[in-house]
Protein backbone atom coordinates (compact mmCIF):
# COMPACT_ATOMS: atom_id res chain seq x y z
CA UNK A 1 0.00 0.00 0.00
CA UNK A 2 2.77 2.51 0.79
CA UNK A 3 4.65 1.77 -2.44
CA UNK A 4 1.48 2.08 -4.53
CA UNK A 5 0.58 5.43 -2.95
CA UNK A 6 3.77 7.04 -4.32
CA UNK A 7 3.21 8.48 -7.78
CA UNK A 8 6.76 9.66 -8.55
CA UNK A 9 8.73 6.85 -10.22
CA UNK A 10 12.10 8.13 -8.98
CA UNK A 11 10.88 8.13 -5.40
CA UNK A 12 9.55 4.61 -5.82
CA UNK A 13 12.92 3.42 -7.11
CA UNK A 14 14.65 4.82 -4.03
CA UNK A 15 12.38 2.79 -1.73
CA UNK A 16 13.49 -0.57 -3.10
CA UNK A 17 16.42 -2.40 -1.48
CA UNK A 18 18.80 -4.67 -3.40
CA UNK A 19 19.43 -8.27 -2.36
CA UNK A 20 23.04 -8.75 -1.22
CA UNK A 21 24.25 -12.34 -1.07
CA UNK A 22 27.35 -11.36 0.94
CA UNK A 23 25.13 -10.04 3.76
CA UNK A 24 22.88 -13.11 3.79
CA UNK A 25 23.35 -15.71 6.53
CA UNK A 26 21.94 -19.16 5.56
CA UNK A 27 19.00 -20.26 7.74
CA UNK A 28 19.29 -17.00 9.70
CA UNK A 29 18.74 -13.85 7.64
CA UNK A 30 18.41 -12.48 4.13
CA UNK A 31 20.67 -9.50 3.43
CA UNK A 32 19.57 -6.36 1.62
CA UNK A 33 21.48 -3.19 0.82
CA UNK A 34 19.69 0.13 1.28
CA UNK A 35 20.85 3.41 -0.25
CA UNK A 36 19.58 6.06 2.15
CA UNK A 37 20.36 9.67 1.21
CA UNK A 38 20.26 12.05 4.19
CA UNK A 39 20.53 15.47 2.52
CA UNK A 40 20.12 17.13 -0.84
CA UNK A 41 17.64 17.04 -3.66
CA UNK A 42 17.40 13.24 -3.78
CA UNK A 43 17.25 12.67 -0.03
CA UNK A 44 15.17 9.82 1.32
CA UNK A 45 11.85 11.02 2.67
CA UNK A 46 11.41 10.70 6.44
CA UNK A 47 8.60 11.71 8.75
CA UNK A 48 9.20 14.84 10.77
CA UNK A 49 9.48 14.46 14.51
CA UNK A 50 6.60 16.03 16.39
CA UNK A 51 7.50 19.12 18.38
CA UNK A 52 6.84 18.62 22.03
PDB file of N, CA and C in Angstrom:
ATOM      1  N   UNK A   1       0.802  -1.211   0.000  1.00  0.00           N
ATOM      2  CA  UNK A   1       0.000   0.000   0.000  1.00  0.00           C
ATOM      3  C   UNK A   1       0.848   1.280   0.000  1.00  0.00           C
ATOM      4  N   UNK A   2       1.938   1.310   0.752  1.00  0.00           N
ATOM      5  CA  UNK A   2       2.771   2.511   0.790  1.00  0.00           C
ATOM      6  C   UNK A   2       3.417   2.728  -0.572  1.00  0.00           C
ATOM      7  N   UNK A   3       3.987   1.678  -1.143  1.00  0.00           N
ATOM      8  CA  UNK A   3       4.652   1.771  -2.443  1.00  0.00           C
ATOM      9  C   UNK A   3       3.677   2.257  -3.505  1.00  0.00           C
ATOM     10  N   UNK A   4       2.470   1.724  -3.508  1.00  0.00           N
ATOM     11  CA  UNK A   4       1.483   2.082  -4.526  1.00  0.00           C
ATOM     12  C   UNK A   4       0.953   3.498  -4.359  1.00  0.00           C
ATOM     13  N   UNK A   5       1.077   4.069  -3.170  1.00  0.00           N
ATOM     14  CA  UNK A   5       0.582   5.428  -2.948  1.00  0.00           C
ATOM     15  C   UNK A   5       1.549   6.491  -3.471  1.00  0.00           C
ATOM     16  N   UNK A   6       2.761   6.099  -3.827  1.00  0.00           N
ATOM     17  CA  UNK A   6       3.769   7.041  -4.323  1.00  0.00           C
ATOM     18  C   UNK A   6       3.660   7.127  -5.836  1.00  0.00           C
ATOM     19  N   UNK A   7       3.425   8.325  -6.337  1.00  0.00           N
ATOM     20  CA  UNK A   7       3.214   8.485  -7.777  1.00  0.00           C
ATOM     21  C   UNK A   7       4.492   8.786  -8.548  1.00  0.00           C
ATOM     22  N   UNK A   8       5.505   9.321  -7.885  1.00  0.00           N
ATOM     23  CA  UNK A   8       6.761   9.665  -8.549  1.00  0.00           C
ATOM     24  C   UNK A   8       7.635   8.417  -8.702  1.00  0.00           C
ATOM     25  N   UNK A   9       7.963   8.071  -9.939  1.00  0.00           N
ATOM     26  CA  UNK A   9       8.731   6.848 -10.221  1.00  0.00           C
ATOM     27  C   UNK A   9      10.123   6.870  -9.593  1.00  0.00           C
ATOM     28  N   UNK A  10      10.770   8.025  -9.590  1.00  0.00           N
ATOM     29  CA  UNK A  10      12.096   8.133  -8.981  1.00  0.00           C
ATOM     30  C   UNK A  10      12.062   7.868  -7.484  1.00  0.00           C
ATOM     31  N   UNK A  11      11.035   8.375  -6.835  1.00  0.00           N
ATOM     32  CA  UNK A  11      10.876   8.134  -5.398  1.00  0.00           C
ATOM     33  C   UNK A  11      10.612   6.662  -5.142  1.00  0.00           C
ATOM     34  N   UNK A  12       9.802   6.048  -5.958  1.00  0.00           N
ATOM     35  CA  UNK A  12       9.546   4.608  -5.821  1.00  0.00           C
ATOM     36  C   UNK A  12      10.839   3.808  -5.938  1.00  0.00           C
ATOM     37  N   UNK A  13      11.671   4.155  -6.893  1.00  0.00           N
ATOM     38  CA  UNK A  13      12.922   3.420  -7.111  1.00  0.00           C
ATOM     39  C   UNK A  13      13.837   3.519  -5.899  1.00  0.00           C
ATOM     40  N   UNK A  14      13.800   4.651  -5.210  1.00  0.00           N
ATOM     41  CA  UNK A  14      14.655   4.822  -4.034  1.00  0.00           C
ATOM     42  C   UNK A  14      14.152   4.052  -2.826  1.00  0.00           C
ATOM     43  N   UNK A  15      12.923   3.563  -2.844  1.00  0.00           N
ATOM     44  CA  UNK A  15      12.384   2.793  -1.726  1.00  0.00           C
ATOM     45  C   UNK A  15      12.745   1.315  -1.787  1.00  0.00           C
ATOM     46  N   UNK A  16      13.240   0.858  -2.908  1.00  0.00           N
ATOM     47  CA  UNK A  16      13.491  -0.566  -3.097  1.00  0.00           C
ATOM     48  C   UNK A  16      14.929  -0.909  -2.733  1.00  0.00           C
ATOM     49  N   UNK A  17      15.092  -1.929  -1.878  1.00  0.00           N
ATOM     50  CA  UNK A  17      16.420  -2.398  -1.485  1.00  0.00           C
ATOM     51  C   UNK A  17      16.888  -3.475  -2.459  1.00  0.00           C
ATOM     52  N   UNK A  18      18.197  -3.677  -2.522  1.00  0.00           N
ATOM     53  CA  UNK A  18      18.800  -4.669  -3.403  1.00  0.00           C
ATOM     54  C   UNK A  18      19.290  -5.853  -2.584  1.00  0.00           C
ATOM     55  N   UNK A  19      18.957  -7.060  -3.030  1.00  0.00           N
ATOM     56  CA  UNK A  19      19.427  -8.267  -2.360  1.00  0.00           C
ATOM     57  C   UNK A  19      20.951  -8.318  -2.412  1.00  0.00           C
ATOM     58  N   UNK A  20      21.583  -8.659  -1.288  1.00  0.00           N
ATOM     59  CA  UNK A  20      23.039  -8.749  -1.216  1.00  0.00           C
ATOM     60  C   UNK A  20      23.418 -10.107  -0.632  1.00  0.00           C
ATOM     61  N   UNK A  21      23.908 -10.979  -1.489  1.00  0.00           N
ATOM     62  CA  UNK A  21      24.246 -12.339  -1.071  1.00  0.00           C
ATOM     63  C   UNK A  21      25.336 -12.354   0.006  1.00  0.00           C
ATOM     64  N   UNK A  22      26.266 -11.410  -0.048  1.00  0.00           N
ATOM     65  CA  UNK A  22      27.348 -11.358   0.942  1.00  0.00           C
ATOM     66  C   UNK A  22      26.842 -11.032   2.351  1.00  0.00           C
ATOM     67  N   UNK A  23      25.707 -10.363   2.453  1.00  0.00           N
ATOM     68  CA  UNK A  23      25.131 -10.042   3.759  1.00  0.00           C
ATOM     69  C   UNK A  23      24.214 -11.140   4.285  1.00  0.00           C
ATOM     70  N   UNK A  24      23.802 -12.042   3.419  1.00  0.00           N
ATOM     71  CA  UNK A  24      22.878 -13.109   3.793  1.00  0.00           C
ATOM     72  C   UNK A  24      23.570 -14.167   4.640  1.00  0.00           C
ATOM     73  N   UNK A  25      22.873 -14.623   5.678  1.00  0.00           N
ATOM     74  CA  UNK A  25      23.354 -15.711   6.531  1.00  0.00           C
ATOM     75  C   UNK A  25      22.386 -16.873   6.383  1.00  0.00           C
ATOM     76  N   UNK A  26      22.829 -18.012   5.795  1.00  0.00           N
ATOM     77  CA  UNK A  26      21.944 -19.156   5.558  1.00  0.00           C
ATOM     78  C   UNK A  26      21.198 -19.582   6.827  1.00  0.00           C
ATOM     79  N   UNK A  27      19.907 -19.828   6.664  1.00  0.00           N
ATOM     80  CA  UNK A  27      19.005 -20.260   7.736  1.00  0.00           C
ATOM     81  C   UNK A  27      18.923 -19.259   8.890  1.00  0.00           C
ATOM     82  N   UNK A  28      19.347 -18.005   8.645  1.00  0.00           N
ATOM     83  CA  UNK A  28      19.287 -17.005   9.701  1.00  0.00           C
ATOM     84  C   UNK A  28      18.673 -15.690   9.201  1.00  0.00           C
ATOM     85  N   UNK A  29      19.256 -15.133   8.125  1.00  0.00           N
ATOM     86  CA  UNK A  29      18.741 -13.852   7.641  1.00  0.00           C
ATOM     87  C   UNK A  29      19.036 -13.664   6.162  1.00  0.00           C
ATOM     88  N   UNK A  30      18.212 -12.856   5.525  1.00  0.00           N
ATOM     89  CA  UNK A  30      18.405 -12.480   4.130  1.00  0.00           C
ATOM     90  C   UNK A  30      18.924 -11.049   4.116  1.00  0.00           C
ATOM     91  N   UNK A  31      20.037 -10.818   3.420  1.00  0.00           N
ATOM     92  CA  UNK A  31      20.665  -9.501   3.427  1.00  0.00           C
ATOM     93  C   UNK A  31      20.200  -8.618   2.283  1.00  0.00           C
ATOM     94  N   UNK A  32      19.941  -7.370   2.609  1.00  0.00           N
ATOM     95  CA  UNK A  32      19.570  -6.362   1.621  1.00  0.00           C
ATOM     96  C   UNK A  32      20.425  -5.123   1.829  1.00  0.00           C
ATOM     97  N   UNK A  33      20.704  -4.419   0.755  1.00  0.00           N
ATOM     98  CA  UNK A  33      21.480  -3.186   0.822  1.00  0.00           C
ATOM     99  C   UNK A  33      20.544  -2.015   0.503  1.00  0.00           C
ATOM    100  N   UNK A  34      20.511  -1.069   1.426  1.00  0.00           N
ATOM    101  CA  UNK A  34      19.695   0.129   1.275  1.00  0.00           C
ATOM    102  C   UNK A  34      20.590   1.309   0.939  1.00  0.00           C
ATOM    103  N   UNK A  35      20.118   2.193   0.093  1.00  0.00           N
ATOM    104  CA  UNK A  35      20.846   3.408  -0.248  1.00  0.00           C
ATOM    105  C   UNK A  35      20.029   4.582   0.284  1.00  0.00           C
ATOM    106  N   UNK A  36      20.324   4.985   1.512  1.00  0.00           N
ATOM    107  CA  UNK A  36      19.578   6.057   2.149  1.00  0.00           C
ATOM    108  C   UNK A  36      20.366   7.354   2.007  1.00  0.00           C
ATOM    109  N   UNK A  37      19.734   8.366   1.420  1.00  0.00           N
ATOM    110  CA  UNK A  37      20.362   9.667   1.214  1.00  0.00           C
ATOM    111  C   UNK A  37      19.810  10.619   2.267  1.00  0.00           C
ATOM    112  N   UNK A  38      20.699  11.226   3.066  1.00  0.00           N
ATOM    113  CA  UNK A  38      20.262  12.052   4.189  1.00  0.00           C
ATOM    114  C   UNK A  38      20.005  13.509   3.842  1.00  0.00           C
ATOM    115  N   UNK A  39      20.719  14.056   2.860  1.00  0.00           N
ATOM    116  CA  UNK A  39      20.528  15.466   2.516  1.00  0.00           C
ATOM    117  C   UNK A  39      20.537  15.646   1.008  1.00  0.00           C
ATOM    118  N   UNK A  40      20.083  16.804   0.577  1.00  0.00           N
ATOM    119  CA  UNK A  40      20.124  17.129  -0.843  1.00  0.00           C
ATOM    120  C   UNK A  40      18.811  16.885  -1.553  1.00  0.00           C
ATOM    121  N   UNK A  41      18.839  17.116  -2.831  1.00  0.00           N
ATOM    122  CA  UNK A  41      17.642  17.037  -3.657  1.00  0.00           C
ATOM    123  C   UNK A  41      17.042  15.633  -3.708  1.00  0.00           C
ATOM    124  N   UNK A  42      17.877  14.620  -3.676  1.00  0.00           N
ATOM    125  CA  UNK A  42      17.403  13.239  -3.785  1.00  0.00           C
ATOM    126  C   UNK A  42      17.379  12.522  -2.438  1.00  0.00           C
ATOM    127  N   UNK A  43      17.229  13.284  -1.356  1.00  0.00           N
ATOM    128  CA  UNK A  43      17.247  12.671  -0.026  1.00  0.00           C
ATOM    129  C   UNK A  43      16.051  11.737   0.156  1.00  0.00           C
ATOM    130  N   UNK A  44      16.226  10.768   0.992  1.00  0.00           N
ATOM    131  CA  UNK A  44      15.172   9.818   1.315  1.00  0.00           C
ATOM    132  C   UNK A  44      14.160  10.510   2.220  1.00  0.00           C
ATOM    133  N   UNK A  45      12.889  10.375   1.890  1.00  0.00           N
ATOM    134  CA  UNK A  45      11.847  11.017   2.671  1.00  0.00           C
ATOM    135  C   UNK A  45      11.748  10.359   4.037  1.00  0.00           C
ATOM    136  N   UNK A  46      11.599  11.186   5.076  1.00  0.00           N
ATOM    137  CA  UNK A  46      11.405  10.696   6.440  1.00  0.00           C
ATOM    138  C   UNK A  46      10.338  11.548   7.103  1.00  0.00           C
ATOM    139  N   UNK A  47       9.603  10.950   8.013  1.00  0.00           N
ATOM    140  CA  UNK A  47       8.604  11.713   8.751  1.00  0.00           C
ATOM    141  C   UNK A  47       9.290  12.714   9.667  1.00  0.00           C
ATOM    142  N   UNK A  48       8.675  13.844   9.843  1.00  0.00           N
ATOM    143  CA  UNK A  48       9.205  14.845  10.766  1.00  0.00           C
ATOM    144  C   UNK A  48       8.850  14.443  12.192  1.00  0.00           C
ATOM    145  N   UNK A  49       9.765  14.712  13.106  1.00  0.00           N
ATOM    146  CA  UNK A  49       9.479  14.464  14.514  1.00  0.00           C
ATOM    147  C   UNK A  49       8.500  15.521  15.005  1.00  0.00           C
ATOM    148  N   UNK A  50       7.569  15.088  15.845  1.00  0.00           N
ATOM    149  CA  UNK A  50       6.600  16.027  16.393  1.00  0.00           C
ATOM    150  C   UNK A  50       7.264  16.905  17.442  1.00  0.00           C
ATOM    151  N   UNK A  51       6.957  18.192  17.378  1.00  0.00           N
ATOM    152  CA  UNK A  51       7.496  19.115  18.377  1.00  0.00           C
ATOM    153  C   UNK A  51       6.783  18.867  19.699  1.00  0.00           C
ATOM    154  N   UNK A  52       7.528  18.881  20.772  1.00  0.00           N
ATOM    155  CA  UNK A  52       6.843  18.619  22.029  1.00  0.00           C
ATOM    156  C   UNK A  52       7.595  18.916  23.198  1.00  0.00           C
TER     157      UNK A  52
END
